[in-house]
PDB file of N, CA and C in Angstrom:
ATOM      1  N   UNK A   1       0.817  -1.187   0.000  1.00  0.00           N
ATOM      2  CA  UNK A   1       0.000   0.000   0.000  1.00  0.00           C
ATOM      3  C   UNK A   1       0.869   1.261   0.000  1.00  0.00           C
ATOM      4  N   UNK A   2       1.857   1.327   0.897  1.00  0.00           N
ATOM      5  CA  UNK A   2       2.706   2.517   0.942  1.00  0.00           C
ATOM      6  C   UNK A   2       3.469   2.704  -0.367  1.00  0.00           C
ATOM      7  N   UNK A   3       3.975   1.615  -0.915  1.00  0.00           N
ATOM      8  CA  UNK A   3       4.752   1.705  -2.161  1.00  0.00           C
ATOM      9  C   UNK A   3       3.925   2.356  -3.267  1.00  0.00           C
ATOM     10  N   UNK A   4       2.653   1.994  -3.354  1.00  0.00           N
ATOM     11  CA  UNK A   4       1.765   2.570  -4.370  1.00  0.00           C
ATOM     12  C   UNK A   4       1.633   4.080  -4.157  1.00  0.00           C
ATOM     13  N   UNK A   5       1.450   4.505  -2.913  1.00  0.00           N
ATOM     14  CA  UNK A   5       1.320   5.924  -2.621  1.00  0.00           C
ATOM     15  C   UNK A   5       2.631   6.672  -2.843  1.00  0.00           C
ATOM     16  N   UNK A   6       3.738   6.015  -2.544  1.00  0.00           N
ATOM     17  CA  UNK A   6       5.051   6.624  -2.786  1.00  0.00           C
ATOM     18  C   UNK A   6       5.213   6.910  -4.273  1.00  0.00           C
ATOM     19  N   UNK A   7       4.849   5.952  -5.094  1.00  0.00           N
ATOM     20  CA  UNK A   7       4.957   6.132  -6.543  1.00  0.00           C
ATOM     21  C   UNK A   7       4.095   7.288  -7.038  1.00  0.00           C
ATOM     22  N   UNK A   8       3.031   7.589  -6.316  1.00  0.00           N
ATOM     23  CA  UNK A   8       2.148   8.699  -6.685  1.00  0.00           C
ATOM     24  C   UNK A   8       2.638  10.020  -6.118  1.00  0.00           C
ATOM     25  N   UNK A   9       3.744   9.983  -5.330  1.00  0.00           N
ATOM     26  CA  UNK A   9       4.326  11.208  -4.812  1.00  0.00           C
ATOM     27  C   UNK A   9       3.775  11.668  -3.480  1.00  0.00           C
ATOM     28  N   UNK A  10       3.157  10.768  -2.729  1.00  0.00           N
ATOM     29  CA  UNK A  10       2.596  11.116  -1.426  1.00  0.00           C
ATOM     30  C   UNK A  10       3.712  11.271  -0.394  1.00  0.00           C
ATOM     31  N   UNK A  11       3.887  12.488   0.137  1.00  0.00           N
ATOM     32  CA  UNK A  11       4.989  12.781   1.057  1.00  0.00           C
ATOM     33  C   UNK A  11       4.879  11.981   2.345  1.00  0.00           C
ATOM     34  N   UNK A  12       3.692  11.900   2.922  1.00  0.00           N
ATOM     35  CA  UNK A  12       3.529  11.188   4.192  1.00  0.00           C
ATOM     36  C   UNK A  12       3.818   9.701   4.030  1.00  0.00           C
ATOM     37  N   UNK A  13       3.318   9.105   2.969  1.00  0.00           N
ATOM     38  CA  UNK A  13       3.561   7.682   2.730  1.00  0.00           C
ATOM     39  C   UNK A  13       5.052   7.430   2.522  1.00  0.00           C
ATOM     40  N   UNK A  14       5.716   8.331   1.831  1.00  0.00           N
ATOM     41  CA  UNK A  14       7.150   8.187   1.590  1.00  0.00           C
ATOM     42  C   UNK A  14       7.920   8.257   2.904  1.00  0.00           C
ATOM     43  N   UNK A  15       7.531   9.194   3.768  1.00  0.00           N
ATOM     44  CA  UNK A  15       8.166   9.316   5.075  1.00  0.00           C
ATOM     45  C   UNK A  15       7.934   8.058   5.909  1.00  0.00           C
ATOM     46  N   UNK A  16       6.715   7.559   5.913  1.00  0.00           N
ATOM     47  CA  UNK A  16       6.407   6.352   6.688  1.00  0.00           C
ATOM     48  C   UNK A  16       7.186   5.151   6.168  1.00  0.00           C
ATOM     49  N   UNK A  17       7.306   5.019   4.862  1.00  0.00           N
ATOM     50  CA  UNK A  17       8.070   3.910   4.296  1.00  0.00           C
ATOM     51  C   UNK A  17       9.546   4.047   4.660  1.00  0.00           C
ATOM     52  N   UNK A  18      10.059   5.271   4.658  1.00  0.00           N
ATOM     53  CA  UNK A  18      11.450   5.494   5.059  1.00  0.00           C
ATOM     54  C   UNK A  18      11.682   5.013   6.481  1.00  0.00           C
ATOM     55  N   UNK A  19      10.730   5.263   7.354  1.00  0.00           N
ATOM     56  CA  UNK A  19      10.878   4.833   8.740  1.00  0.00           C
ATOM     57  C   UNK A  19      10.993   3.319   8.858  1.00  0.00           C
ATOM     58  N   UNK A  20      10.367   2.577   7.955  1.00  0.00           N
ATOM     59  CA  UNK A  20      10.429   1.114   8.029  1.00  0.00           C
ATOM     60  C   UNK A  20      11.794   0.575   7.611  1.00  0.00           C
ATOM     61  N   UNK A  21      12.631   1.426   7.020  1.00  0.00           N
ATOM     62  CA  UNK A  21      13.995   1.042   6.632  1.00  0.00           C
ATOM     63  C   UNK A  21      15.037   1.616   7.580  1.00  0.00           C
ATOM     64  N   UNK A  22      14.646   2.550   8.409  1.00  0.00           N
ATOM     65  CA  UNK A  22      15.549   3.305   9.264  1.00  0.00           C
ATOM     66  C   UNK A  22      15.944   2.485  10.491  1.00  0.00           C
ATOM     67  N   UNK A  23      17.240   2.201  10.656  1.00  0.00           N
ATOM     68  CA  UNK A  23      17.664   1.383  11.798  1.00  0.00           C
ATOM     69  C   UNK A  23      17.286   1.999  13.150  1.00  0.00           C
ATOM     70  N   UNK A  24      17.316   3.325  13.226  1.00  0.00           N
ATOM     71  CA  UNK A  24      16.939   3.978  14.497  1.00  0.00           C
ATOM     72  C   UNK A  24      15.475   3.735  14.834  1.00  0.00           C
ATOM     73  N   UNK A  25      14.619   3.826  13.825  1.00  0.00           N
ATOM     74  CA  UNK A  25      13.193   3.614  14.066  1.00  0.00           C
ATOM     75  C   UNK A  25      12.911   2.149  14.398  1.00  0.00           C
ATOM     76  N   UNK A  26      13.560   1.253  13.692  1.00  0.00           N
ATOM     77  CA  UNK A  26      13.340  -0.168  13.961  1.00  0.00           C
ATOM     78  C   UNK A  26      13.762  -0.524  15.386  1.00  0.00           C
ATOM     79  N   UNK A  27      14.867   0.071  15.849  1.00  0.00           N
ATOM     80  CA  UNK A  27      15.277  -0.137  17.247  1.00  0.00           C
ATOM     81  C   UNK A  27      14.256   0.454  18.213  1.00  0.00           C
ATOM     82  N   UNK A  28      13.806   1.672  17.926  1.00  0.00           N
ATOM     83  CA  UNK A  28      12.841   2.341  18.804  1.00  0.00           C
ATOM     84  C   UNK A  28      11.544   1.542  18.894  1.00  0.00           C
ATOM     85  N   UNK A  29      11.160   0.940  17.792  1.00  0.00           N
ATOM     86  CA  UNK A  29       9.931   0.136  17.758  1.00  0.00           C
ATOM     87  C   UNK A  29      10.166  -1.289  18.237  1.00  0.00           C
ATOM     88  N   UNK A  30      11.437  -1.609  18.540  1.00  0.00           N
ATOM     89  CA  UNK A  30      11.840  -2.946  18.982  1.00  0.00           C
ATOM     90  C   UNK A  30      11.438  -4.041  17.979  1.00  0.00           C
ATOM     91  N   UNK A  31      11.684  -3.726  16.708  1.00  0.00           N
ATOM     92  CA  UNK A  31      11.374  -4.659  15.625  1.00  0.00           C
ATOM     93  C   UNK A  31      12.523  -5.645  15.483  1.00  0.00           C
ATOM     94  N   UNK A  32      12.207  -6.916  15.399  1.00  0.00           N
ATOM     95  CA  UNK A  32      13.204  -7.965  15.183  1.00  0.00           C
ATOM     96  C   UNK A  32      12.825  -8.727  13.921  1.00  0.00           C
ATOM     97  N   UNK A  33      13.831  -9.136  13.173  1.00  0.00           N
ATOM     98  CA  UNK A  33      13.583  -9.935  11.982  1.00  0.00           C
ATOM     99  C   UNK A  33      13.435  -9.124  10.710  1.00  0.00           C
ATOM    100  N   UNK A  34      13.521  -7.822  10.802  1.00  0.00           N
ATOM    101  CA  UNK A  34      13.445  -6.964   9.620  1.00  0.00           C
ATOM    102  C   UNK A  34      14.792  -6.272   9.483  1.00  0.00           C
ATOM    103  N   UNK A  35      15.440  -6.454   8.357  1.00  0.00           N
ATOM    104  CA  UNK A  35      16.776  -5.901   8.151  1.00  0.00           C
ATOM    105  C   UNK A  35      16.680  -4.415   7.785  1.00  0.00           C
ATOM    106  N   UNK A  36      17.336  -3.553   8.540  1.00  0.00           N
ATOM    107  CA  UNK A  36      17.334  -2.127   8.211  1.00  0.00           C
ATOM    108  C   UNK A  36      18.115  -1.864   6.931  1.00  0.00           C
ATOM    109  N   UNK A  37      17.754  -0.804   6.261  1.00  0.00           N
ATOM    110  CA  UNK A  37      18.437  -0.401   5.035  1.00  0.00           C
ATOM    111  C   UNK A  37      18.645   1.111   5.097  1.00  0.00           C
ATOM    112  N   UNK A  38      19.734   1.535   5.761  1.00  0.00           N
ATOM    113  CA  UNK A  38      19.955   2.973   5.966  1.00  0.00           C
ATOM    114  C   UNK A  38      20.040   3.786   4.675  1.00  0.00           C
ATOM    115  N   UNK A  39      20.626   3.217   3.639  1.00  0.00           N
ATOM    116  CA  UNK A  39      20.721   3.941   2.361  1.00  0.00           C
ATOM    117  C   UNK A  39      19.335   4.190   1.774  1.00  0.00           C
ATOM    118  N   UNK A  40      18.503   3.171   1.799  1.00  0.00           N
ATOM    119  CA  UNK A  40      17.135   3.335   1.284  1.00  0.00           C
ATOM    120  C   UNK A  40      16.361   4.314   2.149  1.00  0.00           C
ATOM    121  N   UNK A  41      16.566   4.243   3.466  1.00  0.00           N
ATOM    122  CA  UNK A  41      15.891   5.177   4.364  1.00  0.00           C
ATOM    123  C   UNK A  41      16.274   6.611   4.016  1.00  0.00           C
ATOM    124  N   UNK A  42      17.574   6.869   3.825  1.00  0.00           N
ATOM    125  CA  UNK A  42      18.028   8.221   3.478  1.00  0.00           C
ATOM    126  C   UNK A  42      17.410   8.690   2.164  1.00  0.00           C
ATOM    127  N   UNK A  43      17.400   7.806   1.183  1.00  0.00           N
ATOM    128  CA  UNK A  43      16.840   8.172  -0.120  1.00  0.00           C
ATOM    129  C   UNK A  43      15.351   8.482  -0.002  1.00  0.00           C
ATOM    130  N   UNK A  44      14.647   7.669   0.767  1.00  0.00           N
ATOM    131  CA  UNK A  44      13.206   7.892   0.935  1.00  0.00           C
ATOM    132  C   UNK A  44      12.924   9.152   1.752  1.00  0.00           C
ATOM    133  N   UNK A  45      13.720   9.434   2.779  1.00  0.00           N
ATOM    134  CA  UNK A  45      13.541  10.671   3.538  1.00  0.00           C
ATOM    135  C   UNK A  45      13.735  11.882   2.619  1.00  0.00           C
ATOM    136  N   UNK A  46      14.751  11.827   1.757  1.00  0.00           N
ATOM    137  CA  UNK A  46      14.994  12.927   0.820  1.00  0.00           C
ATOM    138  C   UNK A  46      13.828  13.071  -0.149  1.00  0.00           C
ATOM    139  N   UNK A  47      13.327  11.953  -0.624  1.00  0.00           N
ATOM    140  CA  UNK A  47      12.191  11.971  -1.550  1.00  0.00           C
ATOM    141  C   UNK A  47      10.942  12.521  -0.855  1.00  0.00           C
ATOM    142  N   UNK A  48      10.769  12.166   0.411  1.00  0.00           N
ATOM    143  CA  UNK A  48       9.620  12.675   1.179  1.00  0.00           C
ATOM    144  C   UNK A  48       9.717  14.186   1.326  1.00  0.00           C
ATOM    145  N   UNK A  49      10.912  14.679   1.580  1.00  0.00           N
ATOM    146  CA  UNK A  49      11.104  16.126   1.725  1.00  0.00           C
ATOM    147  C   UNK A  49      10.785  16.845   0.418  1.00  0.00           C
ATOM    148  N   UNK A  50      11.234  16.272  -0.694  1.00  0.00           N
ATOM    149  CA  UNK A  50      10.922  16.861  -2.001  1.00  0.00           C
ATOM    150  C   UNK A  50       9.425  16.866  -2.250  1.00  0.00           C
ATOM    151  N   UNK A  51       8.769  15.757  -1.935  1.00  0.00           N
ATOM    152  CA  UNK A  51       7.329  15.662  -2.142  1.00  0.00           C
ATOM    153  C   UNK A  51       6.588  16.651  -1.245  1.00  0.00           C
ATOM    154  N   UNK A  52       7.058  16.808  -0.009  1.00  0.00           N
ATOM    155  CA  UNK A  52       6.423  17.763   0.917  1.00  0.00           C
ATOM    156  C   UNK A  52       6.539  19.182   0.373  1.00  0.00           C
ATOM    157  N   UNK A  53       7.707  19.529  -0.127  1.00  0.00           N
ATOM    158  CA  UNK A  53       7.902  20.863  -0.695  1.00  0.00           C
ATOM    159  C   UNK A  53       7.011  21.064  -1.918  1.00  0.00           C
ATOM    160  N   UNK A  54       6.917  20.032  -2.725  1.00  0.00           N
ATOM    161  CA  UNK A  54       6.075  20.118  -3.912  1.00  0.00           C
ATOM    162  C   UNK A  54       4.606  20.279  -3.524  1.00  0.00           C
ATOM    163  N   UNK A  55       4.159  19.507  -2.531  1.00  0.00           N
ATOM    164  CA  UNK A  55       2.777  19.617  -2.066  1.00  0.00           C
ATOM    165  C   UNK A  55       2.492  21.010  -1.516  1.00  0.00           C
ATOM    166  N   UNK A  56       3.495  21.624  -0.911  1.00  0.00           N
ATOM    167  CA  UNK A  56       3.327  22.957  -0.339  1.00  0.00           C
ATOM    168  C   UNK A  56       3.521  24.058  -1.383  1.00  0.00           C
ATOM    169  N   UNK A  57       3.864  23.662  -2.601  1.00  0.00           N
ATOM    170  CA  UNK A  57       4.083  24.638  -3.656  1.00  0.00           C
ATOM    171  C   UNK A  57       5.417  25.337  -3.534  1.00  0.00           C
ATOM    172  N   UNK A  58       6.383  24.677  -2.887  1.00  0.00           N
ATOM    173  CA  UNK A  58       7.668  25.309  -2.637  1.00  0.00           C
ATOM    174  C   UNK A  58       8.813  24.699  -3.432  1.00  0.00           C
ATOM    175  N   UNK A  59       8.527  23.850  -4.358  1.00  0.00           N
ATOM    176  CA  UNK A  59       9.605  23.176  -5.080  1.00  0.00           C
ATOM    177  C   UNK A  59      10.450  24.155  -5.888  1.00  0.00           C
ATOM    178  N   UNK A  60       9.797  25.089  -6.545  1.00  0.00           N
ATOM    179  CA  UNK A  60      10.483  26.088  -7.343  1.00  0.00           C
ATOM    180  C   UNK A  60      11.024  27.171  -6.403  1.00  0.00           C
ATOM    181  N   UNK A  61      12.329  27.497  -6.449  1.00  0.00           N
ATOM    182  CA  UNK A  61      12.880  28.514  -5.544  1.00  0.00           C
ATOM    183  C   UNK A  61      12.149  29.843  -5.605  1.00  0.00           C
ATOM    184  N   UNK A  62      11.591  30.196  -6.764  1.00  0.00           N
ATOM    185  CA  UNK A  62      10.841  31.450  -6.842  1.00  0.00           C
ATOM    186  C   UNK A  62       9.558  31.353  -6.037  1.00  0.00           C
ATOM    187  N   UNK A  63       9.030  30.143  -5.878  1.00  0.00           N
ATOM    188  CA  UNK A  63       7.842  29.961  -5.054  1.00  0.00           C
ATOM    189  C   UNK A  63       8.161  30.169  -3.582  1.00  0.00           C
ATOM    190  N   UNK A  64       9.366  29.824  -3.171  1.00  0.00           N
ATOM    191  CA  UNK A  64       9.778  30.010  -1.781  1.00  0.00           C
ATOM    192  C   UNK A  64       9.751  31.499  -1.455  1.00  0.00           C
ATOM    193  N   UNK A  65      10.321  32.304  -2.330  1.00  0.00           N
ATOM    194  CA  UNK A  65      10.329  33.744  -2.095  1.00  0.00           C
ATOM    195  C   UNK A  65       8.916  34.307  -2.092  1.00  0.00           C
ATOM    196  N   UNK A  66       8.081  33.824  -2.997  1.00  0.00           N
ATOM    197  CA  UNK A  66       6.704  34.305  -3.050  1.00  0.00           C
ATOM    198  C   UNK A  66       5.926  33.898  -1.799  1.00  0.00           C
ATOM    199  N   UNK A  67       6.183  32.708  -1.293  1.00  0.00           N
ATOM    200  CA  UNK A  67       5.475  32.222  -0.098  1.00  0.00           C
ATOM    201  C   UNK A  67       5.902  32.985   1.150  1.00  0.00           C
ATOM    202  N   UNK A  68       7.136  33.493   1.146  1.00  0.00           N
ATOM    203  CA  UNK A  68       7.633  34.213   2.312  1.00  0.00           C
ATOM    204  C   UNK A  68       7.045  35.620   2.412  1.00  0.00           C
ATOM    205  N   UNK A  69       6.494  36.120   1.326  1.00  0.00           N
ATOM    206  CA  UNK A  69       5.930  37.477   1.339  1.00  0.00           C
ATOM    207  C   UNK A  69       4.602  37.529   2.029  1.00  0.00           C
TER     208      UNK A  69
END
């Protein structure tokens, strides 16, 4: 389910999927039997940030300046 939403550019789903690969989150959740993938987690966190900016209309640097006004 999350993978489908990630492919559609959903920032929250991308962030949640990143957490399932993040060794820190897996430890915090006391998950055993699931291998962490820090590289994938980093890539997904970056993708989530891009999607969040896009959803907020901030992807284009000129939009950032316009939003700050």
